[in-house]
Structure formats: C-alpha cells, structure tokens
Amino acid sequence: MEELLNEGFPFAEDSLGGQTALVCGASKGIGRACALMLARAGARVIACARSQSGLDSLVTEMYGDGHETIVLDLEDIDAVRDAVSSMGVVQIVVNNSGGPPGGALLENSLEDFDGPFRRHLHAAHTIVQMLAPSMEEAGSGRIVNIISTSVREPIDNIGLSNTLRGAMASWSKSLSRELHPCITINNILPGFTDTDRLGSLASSISERTGDSVKDITEGWLGGVPIQRLVSPLETAVAATFLCLPSSGAIRGVSLAVDGGRMRSI
C-alpha cells in the first residue's frame, strides 16, 4: 500500500475530473441519481432518456458545467448507434433502463421479451461494442450495469425481469474476460429502492392479489435488515465507486445494494 501511495496512486484525490460519463435512463430513479453523483465526482455527464422534461430538470440539479442531454429510446437500436457515434470519447458508461412489467412468467408471450431485451441487453451490447475501442485508446474505461438482486435470487411475480437480468449478468461476466485490461465491467444489484418503479410494482401486485400497497411494502421491508427502502443516491454512490480510477482491480463482480435483504453469500 505504501508503495502505491508513493507512486501517486489516486486514493486521496480519487476523482473523475476530465472524464465523460454516459448515463442511460437518467431522467429518474437510480439513473438520475447516478448522473448527479458522477457529476459531483467531477465527470462531464451525457444523460439520455426518453423524457426531455426529466432531462431538463436533471441538468438544473447537476454539479459542474458542460453536461449534455440526449432524448433517446433505447429500444431503437439504430437511434442508439447514431447517438453513440456522435459522442466522441466516453470513459464511463452506466447501462440502465426501466424494467419490464411484473407478472407470472408463463403469462408472457415471446413478443413480450422483445422490447425489454432490446432496451437492456441489445442496447448495452451496442453501446459497449462501439465505445470499447476508444476506451482502450484512452487507457481507461468503466462500465456499470444497473440490474437486480434477482440475478442471484429470483423474485416472485417478475419472471420476465428475472430472465432479463440474468442474461445481463452473464453477458457482463463474459465481457469481463474479453475486454482490454484497462476497461472494467461490473454490475450493481439494487434491492428494494425508493423509486417510481418499485411503487408501480407494488401497485400491480396489489391489483392482482387484493392486498394493500402498504401491506405489500411492509412485507418487503420485513425481510430487509436495515428496515427501510434504499435511497437511489445510496445506489449511485456504489456505482460511482466502481467508476473511480482506484477501482481498476474490481472486475466482473455483481455488487448488491439491498440493505442486506439477500440471504446468499
């Protein structure tokens, strides 16, 4: 450790100054929190989402200057290619998008898989495939995928989401063996997080079961040791940590930010 400090290894002054970060799904929830936190860490942020108004309000809250916004539907892969091709050098990518609707997996048709897989796996693969060469040339790259604890412990009533998140985790782990040594790829696994998505999921479960949203939420929290929902900013702190220069040895991991809910090791 002392040798690393003497060589100027950036523990004390670890920041993202001079780097550009692409954050997908940045208009709300965890994506928005990641954009805010990365900007606070010194990065110039390119924030993309489908909502122009959400992006406009985000920029007013962001620390620093030079940030950009792009209205982008991640299901439109041609639009994703066009947007990424005009970005120049991007050293940090946060792959994030809204999850598919809840429900029993057997109730899903094959067509139900198309949109979610395009905006998650297909979009993420396209973005990484296009930006990895410039990351390698720049000598630094950080890729963080926001997925779910369901990659380890599938969650009832969101079978399509479980399937998708598992595919993302396997894709990421495979790339961790292929990408240039200067590029890391890791996953954040959010637990029960205080977002609109969780509220919508509780409402859909309530409609199917007749249980109140309050009872559903309390049931969830009963299995969470911290006894509260996780803040999106807490999740964003973990994502930002994985993007720091000093996190270069962390590669191919899935980091849970779930308040201790999962029982697996």
C-alpha atoms as a PDB file:
ATOM      1  CA  MET A   1       0.000   0.000   0.000  1.00  0.00           C
ATOM      2  CA  GLU A   2       2.774   2.455   0.906  1.00  0.00           C
ATOM      3  CA  GLU A   3       4.450   1.868  -2.449  1.00  0.00           C
ATOM      4  CA  LEU A   4       1.230   2.623  -4.276  1.00  0.00           C
ATOM      5  CA  LEU A   5       0.768   5.849  -2.332  1.00  0.00           C
ATOM      6  CA  ASN A   6       4.356   6.883  -3.033  1.00  0.00           C
ATOM      7  CA  GLU A   7       3.763   6.280  -6.732  1.00  0.00           C
ATOM      8  CA  GLY A   8       0.831   8.674  -6.664  1.00  0.00           C
ATOM      9  CA  PHE A   9      -1.928   6.072  -6.800  1.00  0.00           C
ATOM     10  CA  PRO A  10      -5.115   8.159  -6.584  1.00  0.00           C
ATOM     11  CA  PHE A  11      -6.573   7.175  -3.209  1.00  0.00           C
ATOM     12  CA  ALA A  12      -6.520  10.565  -1.559  1.00  0.00           C
ATOM     13  CA  GLU A  13      -7.565  12.579  -4.615  1.00  0.00           C
ATOM     14  CA  ASP A  14      -9.619   9.998  -6.481  1.00  0.00           C
ATOM     15  CA  SER A  15     -11.962  11.824  -8.829  1.00  0.00           C
ATOM     16  CA  LEU A  16     -13.464  11.639 -12.293  1.00  0.00           C
ATOM     17  CA  GLY A  17     -12.277  15.033 -13.450  1.00  0.00           C
ATOM     18  CA  GLY A  18     -11.679  15.205 -17.193  1.00  0.00           C
ATOM     19  CA  GLN A  19     -13.745  12.102 -17.909  1.00  0.00           C
ATOM     20  CA  THR A  20     -17.037  11.805 -19.774  1.00  0.00           C
ATOM     21  CA  ALA A  21     -19.795   9.530 -18.491  1.00  0.00           C
ATOM     22  CA  LEU A  22     -22.788   8.269 -20.477  1.00  0.00           C
ATOM     23  CA  VAL A  23     -25.743   7.533 -18.184  1.00  0.00           C
ATOM     24  CA  CYS A  24     -28.753   5.777 -19.669  1.00  0.00           C
ATOM     25  CA  GLY A  25     -32.227   6.095 -18.213  1.00  0.00           C
ATOM     26  CA  ALA A  26     -31.086   9.258 -16.445  1.00  0.00           C
ATOM     27  CA  SER A  27     -34.368  11.143 -16.116  1.00  0.00           C
ATOM     28  CA  LYS A  28     -35.481   9.468 -12.875  1.00  0.00           C
ATOM     29  CA  GLY A  29     -34.740   6.900 -10.206  1.00  0.00           C
ATOM     30  CA  ILE A  30     -31.342   5.250  -9.959  1.00  0.00           C
ATOM     31  CA  GLY A  31     -30.220   6.548 -13.354  1.00  0.00           C
ATOM     32  CA  ARG A  32     -30.882  10.126 -12.304  1.00  0.00           C
ATOM     33  CA  ALA A  33     -29.048   9.594  -9.022  1.00  0.00           C
ATOM     34  CA  CYS A  34     -26.056   8.132 -10.901  1.00  0.00           C
ATOM     35  CA  ALA A  35     -25.904  11.170 -13.188  1.00  0.00           C
ATOM     36  CA  LEU A  36     -25.960  13.519 -10.196  1.00  0.00           C
ATOM     37  CA  MET A  37     -23.321  11.570  -8.286  1.00  0.00           C
ATOM     38  CA  LEU A  38     -20.962  11.176 -11.252  1.00  0.00           C
ATOM     39  CA  ALA A  39     -21.194  14.905 -11.910  1.00  0.00           C
ATOM     40  CA  ARG A  40     -20.388  15.563  -8.255  1.00  0.00           C
ATOM     41  CA  ALA A  41     -17.325  13.302  -8.636  1.00  0.00           C
ATOM     42  CA  GLY A  42     -16.101  15.528 -11.456  1.00  0.00           C
ATOM     43  CA  ALA A  43     -17.287  13.797 -14.628  1.00  0.00           C
ATOM     44  CA  ARG A  44     -18.913  15.502 -17.567  1.00  0.00           C
ATOM     45  CA  VAL A  45     -22.187  13.666 -17.971  1.00  0.00           C
ATOM     46  CA  ILE A  46     -24.098  12.786 -21.118  1.00  0.00           C
ATOM     47  CA  ALA A  47     -27.555  11.935 -19.790  1.00  0.00           C
ATOM     48  CA  CYS A  48     -30.007  10.089 -22.012  1.00  0.00           C
ATOM     49  CA  ALA A  49     -33.643   9.161 -21.505  1.00  0.00           C
ATOM     50  CA  ARG A  50     -36.971   9.299 -23.313  1.00  0.00           C
ATOM     51  CA  SER A  51     -38.227  12.281 -21.297  1.00  0.00           C
ATOM     52  CA  GLN A  52     -36.962  15.720 -22.331  1.00  0.00           C
ATOM     53  CA  SER A  53     -38.609  17.394 -19.344  1.00  0.00           C
ATOM     54  CA  GLY A  54     -36.986  14.895 -16.983  1.00  0.00           C
ATOM     55  CA  LEU A  55     -33.591  15.553 -18.535  1.00  0.00           C
ATOM     56  CA  ASP A  56     -34.075  19.330 -18.373  1.00  0.00           C
ATOM     57  CA  SER A  57     -34.844  19.206 -14.660  1.00  0.00           C
ATOM     58  CA  LEU A  58     -31.856  16.911 -14.118  1.00  0.00           C
ATOM     59  CA  VAL A  59     -29.414  19.389 -15.628  1.00  0.00           C
ATOM     60  CA  THR A  60     -30.575  22.130 -13.267  1.00  0.00           C
ATOM     61  CA  GLU A  61     -29.548  19.913 -10.335  1.00  0.00           C
ATOM     62  CA  MET A  62     -26.195  18.738 -11.660  1.00  0.00           C
ATOM     63  CA  TYR A  63     -22.888  19.931 -10.281  1.00  0.00           C
ATOM     64  CA  GLY A  64     -20.442  21.492 -12.730  1.00  0.00           C
ATOM     65  CA  ASP A  65     -20.718  22.542 -16.374  1.00  0.00           C
ATOM     66  CA  GLY A  66     -20.593  21.011 -19.830  1.00  0.00           C
ATOM     67  CA  HIS A  67     -23.188  18.300 -19.304  1.00  0.00           C
ATOM     68  CA  GLU A  68     -25.320  17.158 -22.238  1.00  0.00           C
ATOM     69  CA  THR A  69     -28.697  15.514 -22.650  1.00  0.00           C
ATOM     70  CA  ILE A  70     -29.989  13.258 -25.409  1.00  0.00           C
ATOM     71  CA  VAL A  71     -33.590  12.181 -25.844  1.00  0.00           C
ATOM     72  CA  LEU A  72     -33.206   8.520 -26.727  1.00  0.00           C
ATOM     73  CA  ASP A  73     -35.384   5.427 -26.808  1.00  0.00           C
ATOM     74  CA  LEU A  74     -33.057   2.517 -26.025  1.00  0.00           C
ATOM     75  CA  GLU A  75     -35.364   0.096 -27.830  1.00  0.00           C
ATOM     76  CA  ASP A  76     -34.477   1.860 -31.089  1.00  0.00           C
ATOM     77  CA  ILE A  77     -31.046   0.339 -31.717  1.00  0.00           C
ATOM     78  CA  ASP A  78     -30.444   2.404 -34.860  1.00  0.00           C
ATOM     79  CA  ALA A  79     -31.043   5.562 -32.811  1.00  0.00           C
ATOM     80  CA  VAL A  80     -28.653   4.245 -30.162  1.00  0.00           C
ATOM     81  CA  ARG A  81     -25.960   3.735 -32.797  1.00  0.00           C
ATOM     82  CA  ASP A  82     -26.483   7.240 -34.190  1.00  0.00           C
ATOM     83  CA  ALA A  83     -26.320   8.825 -30.742  1.00  0.00           C
ATOM     84  CA  VAL A  84     -23.196   6.963 -29.613  1.00  0.00           C
ATOM     85  CA  SER A  85     -21.356   7.627 -32.869  1.00  0.00           C
ATOM     86  CA  SER A  86     -21.532  11.366 -32.212  1.00  0.00           C
ATOM     87  CA  MET A  87     -20.334  11.309 -28.589  1.00  0.00           C
ATOM     88  CA  GLY A  88     -16.593  11.218 -29.036  1.00  0.00           C
ATOM     89  CA  VAL A  89     -14.505   9.676 -26.251  1.00  0.00           C
ATOM     90  CA  VAL A  90     -16.572   8.310 -23.360  1.00  0.00           C
ATOM     91  CA  GLN A  91     -14.685   6.691 -20.487  1.00  0.00           C
ATOM     92  CA  ILE A  92     -17.669   5.724 -18.303  1.00  0.00           C
ATOM     93  CA  VAL A  93     -20.944   4.012 -19.214  1.00  0.00           C
ATOM     94  CA  VAL A  94     -23.870   3.350 -16.895  1.00  0.00           C
ATOM     95  CA  ASN A  95     -26.254   0.917 -18.596  1.00  0.00           C
ATOM     96  CA  ASN A  96     -29.653   1.424 -17.027  1.00  0.00           C
ATOM     97  CA  SER A  97     -33.258   1.241 -18.167  1.00  0.00           C
ATOM     98  CA  GLY A  98     -36.716   0.652 -16.774  1.00  0.00           C
ATOM     99  CA  GLY A  99     -37.674  -2.931 -16.060  1.00  0.00           C
ATOM    100  CA  PRO A 100     -40.479  -4.875 -17.766  1.00  0.00           C
ATOM    101  CA  PRO A 101     -43.948  -5.219 -16.235  1.00  0.00           C
ATOM    102  CA  GLY A 102     -44.487  -7.713 -13.448  1.00  0.00           C
ATOM    103  CA  GLY A 103     -46.496 -10.906 -13.730  1.00  0.00           C
ATOM    104  CA  ALA A 104     -46.159 -14.653 -13.944  1.00  0.00           C
ATOM    105  CA  LEU A 105     -43.568 -15.765 -16.492  1.00  0.00           C
ATOM    106  CA  LEU A 106     -45.904 -18.304 -18.120  1.00  0.00           C
ATOM    107  CA  GLU A 107     -48.301 -15.482 -18.959  1.00  0.00           C
ATOM    108  CA  ASN A 108     -45.698 -13.794 -21.184  1.00  0.00           C
ATOM    109  CA  SER A 109     -45.704 -14.318 -24.934  1.00  0.00           C
ATOM    110  CA  LEU A 110     -42.463 -14.417 -26.898  1.00  0.00           C
ATOM    111  CA  GLU A 111     -43.229 -10.920 -28.143  1.00  0.00           C
ATOM    112  CA  ASP A 112     -43.197  -9.647 -24.549  1.00  0.00           C
ATOM    113  CA  PHE A 113     -39.474 -10.382 -24.398  1.00  0.00           C
ATOM    114  CA  ASP A 114     -38.576  -8.242 -27.416  1.00  0.00           C
ATOM    115  CA  GLY A 115     -38.799  -4.686 -26.055  1.00  0.00           C
ATOM    116  CA  PRO A 116     -37.144  -5.324 -22.662  1.00  0.00           C
ATOM    117  CA  PHE A 117     -34.278  -7.279 -24.228  1.00  0.00           C
ATOM    118  CA  ARG A 118     -33.714  -4.528 -26.831  1.00  0.00           C
ATOM    119  CA  ARG A 119     -33.565  -1.689 -24.321  1.00  0.00           C
ATOM    120  CA  HIS A 120     -31.395  -3.616 -21.870  1.00  0.00           C
ATOM    121  CA  LEU A 121     -29.178  -6.295 -23.399  1.00  0.00           C
ATOM    122  CA  HIS A 122     -29.185  -5.202 -27.042  1.00  0.00           C
ATOM    123  CA  ALA A 123     -28.690  -1.508 -26.258  1.00  0.00           C
ATOM    124  CA  ALA A 124     -25.970  -2.211 -23.682  1.00  0.00           C
ATOM    125  CA  HIS A 125     -24.111  -4.515 -26.071  1.00  0.00           C
ATOM    126  CA  THR A 126     -24.316  -1.940 -28.863  1.00  0.00           C
ATOM    127  CA  ILE A 127     -23.019   0.848 -26.610  1.00  0.00           C
ATOM    128  CA  VAL A 128     -20.121  -1.184 -25.227  1.00  0.00           C
ATOM    129  CA  GLN A 129     -19.177  -2.575 -28.620  1.00  0.00           C
ATOM    130  CA  MET A 130     -18.993   0.953 -30.046  1.00  0.00           C
ATOM    131  CA  LEU A 131     -17.199   2.644 -27.134  1.00  0.00           C
ATOM    132  CA  ALA A 132     -14.723  -0.039 -26.047  1.00  0.00           C
ATOM    133  CA  PRO A 133     -12.152   0.804 -28.772  1.00  0.00           C
ATOM    134  CA  SER A 134     -11.957   4.468 -27.734  1.00  0.00           C
ATOM    135  CA  MET A 135     -11.782   3.473 -24.048  1.00  0.00           C
ATOM    136  CA  GLU A 136      -8.839   1.229 -24.874  1.00  0.00           C
ATOM    137  CA  GLU A 137      -7.158   4.014 -26.826  1.00  0.00           C
ATOM    138  CA  ALA A 138      -7.729   6.439 -23.924  1.00  0.00           C
ATOM    139  CA  GLY A 139      -6.287   3.893 -21.497  1.00  0.00           C
ATOM    140  CA  SER A 140      -9.329   3.816 -19.225  1.00  0.00           C
ATOM    141  CA  GLY A 141     -12.885   2.531 -19.257  1.00  0.00           C
ATOM    142  CA  ARG A 142     -15.565   1.834 -16.671  1.00  0.00           C
ATOM    143  CA  ILE A 143     -18.852   0.065 -17.463  1.00  0.00           C
ATOM    144  CA  VAL A 144     -21.505  -0.335 -14.778  1.00  0.00           C
ATOM    145  CA  ASN A 145     -24.772  -2.160 -15.371  1.00  0.00           C
ATOM    146  CA  ILE A 146     -27.756  -1.476 -13.120  1.00  0.00           C
ATOM    147  CA  ILE A 147     -29.602  -4.783 -12.926  1.00  0.00           C
ATOM    148  CA  SER A 148     -31.195  -6.549  -9.916  1.00  0.00           C
ATOM    149  CA  THR A 149     -30.671  -8.875  -6.969  1.00  0.00           C
ATOM    150  CA  SER A 150     -32.834 -11.325  -8.935  1.00  0.00           C
ATOM    151  CA  VAL A 151     -29.708 -12.499 -10.769  1.00  0.00           C
ATOM    152  CA  ARG A 152     -28.908 -14.407  -7.563  1.00  0.00           C
ATOM    153  CA  GLU A 153     -32.331 -14.890  -6.018  1.00  0.00           C
ATOM    154  CA  PRO A 154     -35.243 -14.704  -8.499  1.00  0.00           C
ATOM    155  CA  ILE A 155     -38.138 -12.614  -7.252  1.00  0.00           C
ATOM    156  CA  ASP A 156     -41.711 -13.855  -7.445  1.00  0.00           C
ATOM    157  CA  ASN A 157     -44.139 -12.212  -9.892  1.00  0.00           C
ATOM    158  CA  ILE A 158     -41.438 -10.611 -12.088  1.00  0.00           C
ATOM    159  CA  GLY A 159     -40.387 -13.645 -14.137  1.00  0.00           C
ATOM    160  CA  LEU A 160     -39.615 -11.718 -17.311  1.00  0.00           C
ATOM    161  CA  SER A 161     -37.438  -9.281 -15.386  1.00  0.00           C
ATOM    162  CA  ASN A 162     -35.636 -12.167 -13.650  1.00  0.00           C
ATOM    163  CA  THR A 163     -34.867 -13.717 -17.029  1.00  0.00           C
ATOM    164  CA  LEU A 164     -33.611 -10.466 -18.486  1.00  0.00           C
ATOM    165  CA  ARG A 165     -31.430  -9.557 -15.501  1.00  0.00           C
ATOM    166  CA  GLY A 166     -29.839 -12.996 -15.517  1.00  0.00           C
ATOM    167  CA  ALA A 167     -28.958 -12.571 -19.188  1.00  0.00           C
ATOM    168  CA  MET A 168     -27.401  -9.179 -18.449  1.00  0.00           C
ATOM    169  CA  ALA A 169     -25.292 -10.612 -15.642  1.00  0.00           C
ATOM    170  CA  SER A 170     -23.976 -13.449 -17.829  1.00  0.00           C
ATOM    171  CA  TRP A 171     -23.257 -11.015 -20.660  1.00  0.00           C
ATOM    172  CA  SER A 172     -21.323  -8.778 -18.287  1.00  0.00           C
ATOM    173  CA  LYS A 173     -19.312 -11.623 -16.774  1.00  0.00           C
ATOM    174  CA  SER A 174     -18.409 -12.893 -20.226  1.00  0.00           C
ATOM    175  CA  LEU A 175     -17.201  -9.447 -21.278  1.00  0.00           C
ATOM    176  CA  SER A 176     -15.120  -9.135 -18.115  1.00  0.00           C
ATOM    177  CA  ARG A 177     -12.948 -11.902 -19.586  1.00  0.00           C
ATOM    178  CA  GLU A 178     -12.684 -10.272 -23.001  1.00  0.00           C
ATOM    179  CA  LEU A 179     -12.346  -6.525 -22.524  1.00  0.00           C
ATOM    180  CA  HIS A 180      -8.955  -4.805 -22.540  1.00  0.00           C
ATOM    181  CA  PRO A 181      -7.223  -4.772 -19.114  1.00  0.00           C
ATOM    182  CA  CYS A 182      -7.823  -1.022 -18.749  1.00  0.00           C
ATOM    183  CA  ILE A 183     -11.616  -1.472 -19.028  1.00  0.00           C
ATOM    184  CA  THR A 184     -13.671  -2.810 -16.157  1.00  0.00           C
ATOM    185  CA  ILE A 185     -17.275  -4.001 -16.266  1.00  0.00           C
ATOM    186  CA  ASN A 186     -19.352  -4.615 -13.140  1.00  0.00           C
ATOM    187  CA  ASN A 187     -22.965  -4.831 -12.043  1.00  0.00           C
ATOM    188  CA  ILE A 188     -24.946  -3.091  -9.343  1.00  0.00           C
ATOM    189  CA  LEU A 189     -27.792  -5.180  -7.934  1.00  0.00           C
ATOM    190  CA  PRO A 190     -30.368  -2.849  -6.379  1.00  0.00           C
ATOM    191  CA  GLY A 191     -32.724  -4.205  -3.769  1.00  0.00           C
ATOM    192  CA  PHE A 192     -35.987  -2.560  -2.687  1.00  0.00           C
ATOM    193  CA  THR A 193     -35.200   1.018  -3.714  1.00  0.00           C
ATOM    194  CA  ASP A 194     -37.336   4.115  -3.295  1.00  0.00           C
ATOM    195  CA  THR A 195     -38.208   4.647  -6.965  1.00  0.00           C
ATOM    196  CA  ASP A 196     -41.310   5.021  -9.124  1.00  0.00           C
ATOM    197  CA  ARG A 197     -40.593   1.546 -10.496  1.00  0.00           C
ATOM    198  CA  LEU A 198     -40.981  -0.056  -7.079  1.00  0.00           C
ATOM    199  CA  GLY A 199     -44.202   1.847  -6.485  1.00  0.00           C
ATOM    200  CA  SER A 200     -45.604   0.640  -9.803  1.00  0.00           C
ATOM    201  CA  LEU A 201     -44.632  -2.931  -8.987  1.00  0.00           C
ATOM    202  CA  ALA A 202     -46.377  -2.741  -5.621  1.00  0.00           C
ATOM    203  CA  SER A 203     -49.496  -1.352  -7.299  1.00  0.00           C
ATOM    204  CA  SER A 204     -49.575  -4.125  -9.904  1.00  0.00           C
ATOM    205  CA  ILE A 205     -49.189  -6.791  -7.214  1.00  0.00           C
ATOM    206  CA  SER A 206     -51.979  -5.117  -5.241  1.00  0.00           C
ATOM    207  CA  GLU A 207     -54.299  -5.267  -8.236  1.00  0.00           C
ATOM    208  CA  ARG A 208     -53.652  -8.978  -8.720  1.00  0.00           C
ATOM    209  CA  THR A 209     -53.754 -10.074  -5.085  1.00  0.00           C
ATOM    210  CA  GLY A 210     -56.099  -7.605  -3.417  1.00  0.00           C
ATOM    211  CA  ASP A 211     -53.503  -6.797  -0.766  1.00  0.00           C
ATOM    212  CA  SER A 212     -52.920  -3.131   0.003  1.00  0.00           C
ATOM    213  CA  VAL A 213     -49.792  -1.376  -1.288  1.00  0.00           C
ATOM    214  CA  LYS A 214     -48.899  -0.619   2.339  1.00  0.00           C
ATOM    215  CA  ASP A 215     -49.086  -4.299   3.318  1.00  0.00           C
ATOM    216  CA  ILE A 216     -47.034  -5.310   0.284  1.00  0.00           C
ATOM    217  CA  THR A 217     -44.346  -2.749   1.080  1.00  0.00           C
ATOM    218  CA  GLU A 218     -44.255  -3.717   4.742  1.00  0.00           C
ATOM    219  CA  GLY A 219     -43.936  -7.347   3.711  1.00  0.00           C
ATOM    220  CA  TRP A 220     -40.927  -6.487   1.595  1.00  0.00           C
ATOM    221  CA  LEU A 221     -39.265  -4.479   4.344  1.00  0.00           C
ATOM    222  CA  GLY A 222     -39.830  -7.264   6.851  1.00  0.00           C
ATOM    223  CA  GLY A 223     -37.020  -9.157   5.123  1.00  0.00           C
ATOM    224  CA  VAL A 224     -34.624  -6.202   4.886  1.00  0.00           C
ATOM    225  CA  PRO A 225     -32.257  -5.842   7.865  1.00  0.00           C
ATOM    226  CA  ILE A 226     -31.995  -2.040   7.521  1.00  0.00           C
ATOM    227  CA  GLN A 227     -35.822  -1.904   7.757  1.00  0.00           C
ATOM    228  CA  ARG A 228     -36.239   0.780   5.096  1.00  0.00           C
ATOM    229  CA  LEU A 229     -36.117   1.324   1.372  1.00  0.00           C
ATOM    230  CA  VAL A 230     -32.711   2.035  -0.132  1.00  0.00           C
ATOM    231  CA  SER A 231     -32.221   5.581  -1.425  1.00  0.00           C
ATOM    232  CA  PRO A 232     -31.321   5.864  -5.131  1.00  0.00           C
ATOM    233  CA  LEU A 233     -28.399   8.053  -4.097  1.00  0.00           C
ATOM    234  CA  GLU A 234     -27.026   5.226  -1.948  1.00  0.00           C
ATOM    235  CA  THR A 235     -27.096   3.006  -5.022  1.00  0.00           C
ATOM    236  CA  ALA A 236     -25.443   5.752  -7.071  1.00  0.00           C
ATOM    237  CA  VAL A 237     -22.602   6.025  -4.565  1.00  0.00           C
ATOM    238  CA  ALA A 238     -21.785   2.352  -5.141  1.00  0.00           C
ATOM    239  CA  ALA A 239     -21.937   2.803  -8.913  1.00  0.00           C
ATOM    240  CA  THR A 240     -19.672   5.849  -8.749  1.00  0.00           C
ATOM    241  CA  PHE A 241     -17.162   3.948  -6.612  1.00  0.00           C
ATOM    242  CA  LEU A 242     -16.861   1.341  -9.362  1.00  0.00           C
ATOM    243  CA  CYS A 243     -16.068   4.124 -11.838  1.00  0.00           C
ATOM    244  CA  LEU A 244     -13.168   5.643  -9.898  1.00  0.00           C
ATOM    245  CA  PRO A 245      -9.576   5.270 -11.135  1.00  0.00           C
ATOM    246  CA  SER A 246      -8.679   3.353  -7.972  1.00  0.00           C
ATOM    247  CA  SER A 247     -11.320   0.682  -8.689  1.00  0.00           C
ATOM    248  CA  GLY A 248      -9.431  -0.824 -11.602  1.00  0.00           C
ATOM    249  CA  ALA A 249      -8.940  -4.204  -9.905  1.00  0.00           C
ATOM    250  CA  ILE A 250     -12.689  -4.717  -9.395  1.00  0.00           C
ATOM    251  CA  ARG A 251     -13.889  -6.520 -12.488  1.00  0.00           C
ATOM    252  CA  GLY A 252     -16.778  -8.830 -13.285  1.00  0.00           C
ATOM    253  CA  VAL A 253     -18.486  -8.511  -9.910  1.00  0.00           C
ATOM    254  CA  SER A 254     -22.150  -8.073  -9.000  1.00  0.00           C
ATOM    255  CA  LEU A 255     -22.420  -5.735  -6.027  1.00  0.00           C
ATOM    256  CA  ALA A 256     -25.702  -5.841  -4.120  1.00  0.00           C
ATOM    257  CA  VAL A 257     -27.046  -2.591  -2.654  1.00  0.00           C
ATOM    258  CA  ASP A 258     -30.047  -4.144  -0.952  1.00  0.00           C
ATOM    259  CA  GLY A 259     -29.871  -3.331   2.730  1.00  0.00           C
ATOM    260  CA  GLY A 260     -28.843  -6.918   3.444  1.00  0.00           C
ATOM    261  CA  ARG A 261     -32.024  -8.486   2.050  1.00  0.00           C
ATOM    262  CA  MET A 262     -30.400 -11.343   0.130  1.00  0.00           C
ATOM    263  CA  ARG A 263     -29.549 -14.447   2.128  1.00  0.00           C
ATOM    264  CA  SER A 264     -26.991 -15.796  -0.341  1.00  0.00           C
ATOM    265  CA  ILE A 265     -23.286 -15.295   0.264  1.00  0.00           C
END
